[in-house]
Each structure stands twice: as structure tokens, then as C-alpha cells.
Amino acid sequence: MANNRRENVPFDPYHFQKLLGQGIEFSIQNTFQNIYRTNHWSGQDSLSGDGASTTQTQQIQTELPLLLQRLQISTFLDLPCGDFRST
């Protein structure tokens, strides 16, 4: 049986689907406001969830500036999402 990553998370991945089944519908903006306000993804360090924690992002925070310097990249466009914790 394949590993269902959707089930292997510390929150109810069907929360908003269940609300929709009850006739409660959120706009995209309201959905993410609700996720942020309630820490729906159960992140300890970040409201963006454990994937945005310091532990998970430490290596890229260390290596990315070095890579940009080595490749002589002077302009970098970052399209952020989440709570901006690691910035």
C-alpha cells in the first residue's frame, strides 16, 4: 500500500472539505486567514507548518546566499508565501 502523505500530517487535511460539505464555504483569502489565525497546520516555529520550521529550512538559509554569491547572482525574485518567519 502506498504511503498517503495527506494522512501523515499533524492536522485534519479534510477540515475545509468537511466544512464545504456542511455548506460553509471560504474564499481563498478567508481560508488562509483561518489557517494563519488558528495555526491549522500545527507548526511549532511557524504558522506555515513544520515544513517552514527553522530545523527544516536551516540548510537552505545557510547555502542559498553562498550559491547566489558563487553564481554571481545579483538579483533574486522571491515569491513568498507563508508567515515570513525565516526572512
N, C-alpha and C. Protein backbone atom coordinates (compact mmCIF):
# COMPACT_ATOMS: atom_id res chain seq x y z
N MET A 1 0.85 -1.18 0.00
CA MET A 1 0.00 0.00 0.00
C MET A 1 0.89 1.24 0.00
N ALA A 2 0.58 2.19 -0.84
CA ALA A 2 1.37 3.42 -0.96
C ALA A 2 1.16 4.30 0.27
N ASN A 3 2.20 5.04 0.61
CA ASN A 3 2.13 5.97 1.72
C ASN A 3 1.30 7.19 1.30
N ASN A 4 0.23 7.46 2.00
CA ASN A 4 -0.61 8.61 1.71
C ASN A 4 -0.12 9.79 2.54
N ARG A 5 0.69 10.65 1.92
CA ARG A 5 1.28 11.78 2.63
C ARG A 5 0.21 12.72 3.19
N ARG A 6 -0.95 12.74 2.57
CA ARG A 6 -2.01 13.63 3.05
C ARG A 6 -2.47 13.20 4.44
N GLU A 7 -2.37 11.93 4.73
CA GLU A 7 -2.79 11.42 6.05
C GLU A 7 -1.70 11.59 7.10
N ASN A 8 -0.46 11.78 6.68
CA ASN A 8 0.67 11.84 7.59
C ASN A 8 1.01 13.28 7.96
N VAL A 9 0.03 13.99 8.47
CA VAL A 9 0.21 15.39 8.86
C VAL A 9 -0.44 15.61 10.23
N PRO A 10 0.03 16.62 10.98
CA PRO A 10 -0.48 16.83 12.34
C PRO A 10 -1.77 17.65 12.41
N PHE A 11 -2.57 17.61 11.36
CA PHE A 11 -3.83 18.35 11.33
C PHE A 11 -4.82 17.59 10.48
N ASP A 12 -6.06 18.01 10.49
CA ASP A 12 -7.10 17.36 9.69
C ASP A 12 -7.01 17.86 8.25
N PRO A 13 -6.50 17.05 7.32
CA PRO A 13 -6.34 17.52 5.95
C PRO A 13 -7.68 17.69 5.22
N TYR A 14 -8.74 17.21 5.83
CA TYR A 14 -10.06 17.31 5.20
C TYR A 14 -10.95 18.36 5.86
N HIS A 15 -10.38 19.18 6.73
CA HIS A 15 -11.14 20.17 7.50
C HIS A 15 -12.02 21.05 6.61
N PHE A 16 -11.41 21.67 5.61
CA PHE A 16 -12.17 22.60 4.77
C PHE A 16 -13.13 21.87 3.84
N GLN A 17 -12.78 20.65 3.45
CA GLN A 17 -13.68 19.83 2.64
C GLN A 17 -14.92 19.47 3.46
N LYS A 18 -14.73 19.17 4.74
CA LYS A 18 -15.86 18.86 5.62
C LYS A 18 -16.76 20.08 5.80
N LEU A 19 -16.15 21.25 5.97
CA LEU A 19 -16.95 22.48 6.11
C LEU A 19 -17.76 22.73 4.85
N LEU A 20 -17.15 22.50 3.70
CA LEU A 20 -17.86 22.68 2.43
C LEU A 20 -19.06 21.74 2.36
N GLY A 21 -18.89 20.51 2.86
CA GLY A 21 -19.99 19.55 2.91
C GLY A 21 -21.12 20.01 3.82
N GLN A 22 -20.81 20.89 4.77
CA GLN A 22 -21.82 21.45 5.68
C GLN A 22 -22.39 22.76 5.14
N GLY A 23 -21.97 23.12 3.93
CA GLY A 23 -22.47 24.35 3.31
C GLY A 23 -21.68 25.59 3.69
N ILE A 24 -20.56 25.41 4.37
CA ILE A 24 -19.71 26.54 4.76
C ILE A 24 -18.57 26.63 3.75
N GLU A 25 -18.51 27.75 3.06
CA GLU A 25 -17.51 27.92 2.02
C GLU A 25 -16.65 29.14 2.33
N PHE A 26 -15.36 28.99 2.15
CA PHE A 26 -14.40 30.07 2.37
C PHE A 26 -13.80 30.50 1.04
N SER A 27 -13.56 31.79 0.90
CA SER A 27 -12.77 32.26 -0.24
C SER A 27 -11.33 31.82 0.01
N ILE A 28 -10.49 31.91 -0.99
CA ILE A 28 -9.08 31.57 -0.80
C ILE A 28 -8.48 32.44 0.29
N GLN A 29 -8.78 33.74 0.25
CA GLN A 29 -8.24 34.65 1.26
C GLN A 29 -8.70 34.25 2.66
N ASN A 30 -9.99 33.98 2.82
CA ASN A 30 -10.52 33.60 4.13
C ASN A 30 -9.96 32.25 4.60
N THR A 31 -9.73 31.34 3.66
CA THR A 31 -9.15 30.05 4.02
C THR A 31 -7.79 30.24 4.66
N PHE A 32 -6.92 31.02 4.00
CA PHE A 32 -5.58 31.21 4.54
C PHE A 32 -5.57 32.09 5.79
N GLN A 33 -6.50 33.02 5.89
CA GLN A 33 -6.62 33.79 7.13
C GLN A 33 -6.99 32.87 8.29
N ASN A 34 -7.90 31.94 8.03
CA ASN A 34 -8.31 30.98 9.05
C ASN A 34 -7.15 30.07 9.44
N ILE A 35 -6.41 29.58 8.45
CA ILE A 35 -5.26 28.71 8.71
C ILE A 35 -4.25 29.45 9.57
N TYR A 36 -3.97 30.70 9.23
CA TYR A 36 -2.99 31.51 9.97
C TYR A 36 -3.48 31.80 11.39
N ARG A 37 -4.73 32.23 11.50
CA ARG A 37 -5.29 32.64 12.79
C ARG A 37 -5.36 31.47 13.78
N THR A 38 -5.64 30.27 13.28
CA THR A 38 -5.81 29.11 14.16
C THR A 38 -4.59 28.20 14.24
N ASN A 39 -3.51 28.56 13.52
CA ASN A 39 -2.33 27.69 13.40
C ASN A 39 -2.77 26.29 12.99
N HIS A 40 -3.61 26.23 11.97
CA HIS A 40 -4.22 24.99 11.50
C HIS A 40 -3.19 23.92 11.15
N TRP A 41 -2.03 24.33 10.63
CA TRP A 41 -1.00 23.36 10.23
C TRP A 41 -0.12 22.93 11.39
N SER A 42 -0.41 23.41 12.59
CA SER A 42 0.24 22.96 13.83
C SER A 42 1.75 23.14 13.86
N GLY A 43 2.25 24.20 13.25
CA GLY A 43 3.69 24.45 13.28
C GLY A 43 4.14 24.94 14.64
N GLN A 44 5.25 24.42 15.11
CA GLN A 44 5.81 24.87 16.39
C GLN A 44 6.54 26.20 16.23
N ASP A 45 7.31 26.35 15.13
CA ASP A 45 8.09 27.57 14.88
C ASP A 45 7.37 28.54 13.95
N SER A 46 6.51 28.02 13.10
CA SER A 46 5.93 28.82 12.03
C SER A 46 4.47 28.48 11.83
N LEU A 47 3.68 29.48 11.55
CA LEU A 47 2.27 29.24 11.24
C LEU A 47 2.11 28.61 9.86
N SER A 48 3.20 28.51 9.12
CA SER A 48 3.18 27.86 7.81
C SER A 48 3.37 26.35 7.93
N GLY A 49 3.46 25.84 9.14
CA GLY A 49 3.61 24.40 9.35
C GLY A 49 5.05 24.00 9.59
N ASP A 50 5.24 22.74 9.94
CA ASP A 50 6.56 22.25 10.30
C ASP A 50 7.55 22.28 9.14
N GLY A 51 7.08 22.25 7.90
CA GLY A 51 7.98 22.34 6.75
C GLY A 51 8.69 23.67 6.66
N ALA A 52 8.18 24.68 7.35
CA ALA A 52 8.80 26.01 7.36
C ALA A 52 9.55 26.27 8.65
N SER A 53 9.75 25.24 9.45
CA SER A 53 10.44 25.42 10.73
C SER A 53 11.92 25.71 10.51
N THR A 54 12.55 26.24 11.52
CA THR A 54 13.99 26.52 11.45
C THR A 54 14.76 25.25 11.15
N THR A 55 14.38 24.15 11.76
CA THR A 55 15.05 22.87 11.52
C THR A 55 14.97 22.48 10.05
N GLN A 56 13.81 22.65 9.45
CA GLN A 56 13.61 22.25 8.05
C GLN A 56 14.25 23.21 7.06
N THR A 57 14.42 24.46 7.43
CA THR A 57 14.92 25.47 6.47
C THR A 57 16.35 25.92 6.74
N GLN A 58 16.97 25.42 7.79
CA GLN A 58 18.31 25.88 8.17
C GLN A 58 19.32 25.70 7.05
N GLN A 59 19.33 24.56 6.41
CA GLN A 59 20.34 24.32 5.38
C GLN A 59 20.19 25.27 4.20
N ILE A 60 18.96 25.50 3.76
CA ILE A 60 18.78 26.42 2.63
C ILE A 60 19.09 27.85 3.04
N GLN A 61 18.81 28.21 4.29
CA GLN A 61 19.15 29.55 4.77
C GLN A 61 20.67 29.76 4.78
N THR A 62 21.40 28.70 5.02
CA THR A 62 22.86 28.77 5.03
C THR A 62 23.43 28.71 3.61
N GLU A 63 22.93 27.80 2.80
CA GLU A 63 23.51 27.52 1.49
C GLU A 63 23.09 28.48 0.39
N LEU A 64 21.87 28.99 0.45
CA LEU A 64 21.38 29.83 -0.65
C LEU A 64 22.22 31.09 -0.85
N PRO A 65 22.56 31.84 0.18
CA PRO A 65 23.41 33.02 -0.05
C PRO A 65 24.77 32.66 -0.66
N LEU A 66 25.33 31.53 -0.25
CA LEU A 66 26.61 31.09 -0.80
C LEU A 66 26.48 30.73 -2.28
N LEU A 67 25.40 30.05 -2.63
CA LEU A 67 25.15 29.69 -4.02
C LEU A 67 24.95 30.93 -4.89
N LEU A 68 24.17 31.88 -4.40
CA LEU A 68 23.94 33.11 -5.16
C LEU A 68 25.25 33.86 -5.37
N GLN A 69 26.07 33.88 -4.36
CA GLN A 69 27.37 34.56 -4.48
C GLN A 69 28.27 33.82 -5.47
N ARG A 70 28.33 32.52 -5.36
CA ARG A 70 29.19 31.72 -6.25
C ARG A 70 28.77 31.85 -7.71
N LEU A 71 27.47 31.91 -7.95
CA LEU A 71 26.96 32.05 -9.32
C LEU A 71 26.87 33.50 -9.76
N GLN A 72 27.29 34.40 -8.89
CA GLN A 72 27.29 35.84 -9.15
C GLN A 72 25.89 36.35 -9.53
N ILE A 73 24.92 35.87 -8.80
CA ILE A 73 23.54 36.30 -9.00
C ILE A 73 23.31 37.53 -8.13
N SER A 74 22.98 38.64 -8.78
CA SER A 74 22.79 39.88 -8.04
C SER A 74 21.32 40.23 -7.86
N THR A 75 20.46 39.60 -8.61
CA THR A 75 19.02 39.85 -8.49
C THR A 75 18.33 38.51 -8.28
N PHE A 76 17.46 38.49 -7.29
CA PHE A 76 16.77 37.25 -6.94
C PHE A 76 15.33 37.60 -6.60
N LEU A 77 14.39 37.01 -7.29
CA LEU A 77 12.98 37.25 -7.03
C LEU A 77 12.45 36.13 -6.16
N ASP A 78 12.01 36.48 -5.00
CA ASP A 78 11.43 35.52 -4.07
C ASP A 78 9.94 35.80 -4.00
N LEU A 79 9.14 34.83 -4.38
CA LEU A 79 7.69 34.97 -4.31
C LEU A 79 7.24 34.30 -3.02
N PRO A 80 7.16 35.07 -1.95
CA PRO A 80 6.92 34.48 -0.64
C PRO A 80 5.50 33.96 -0.46
N CYS A 81 5.42 32.99 0.39
CA CYS A 81 4.12 32.53 0.89
C CYS A 81 4.36 32.16 2.34
N GLY A 82 3.34 32.09 3.08
CA GLY A 82 3.51 31.74 4.48
C GLY A 82 3.58 32.95 5.38
N ASP A 83 4.16 32.75 6.54
CA ASP A 83 4.15 33.81 7.56
C ASP A 83 5.46 34.59 7.62
N PHE A 84 6.35 34.39 6.68
CA PHE A 84 7.61 35.14 6.57
C PHE A 84 8.53 34.91 7.77
N ARG A 85 8.38 33.82 8.46
CA ARG A 85 9.16 33.56 9.67
C ARG A 85 10.66 33.51 9.40
N SER A 86 11.09 32.92 8.29
CA SER A 86 12.52 32.72 8.06
C SER A 86 13.18 33.89 7.35
N THR A 87 12.47 34.99 7.15
CA THR A 87 13.08 36.13 6.48
C THR A 87 13.77 37.04 7.46
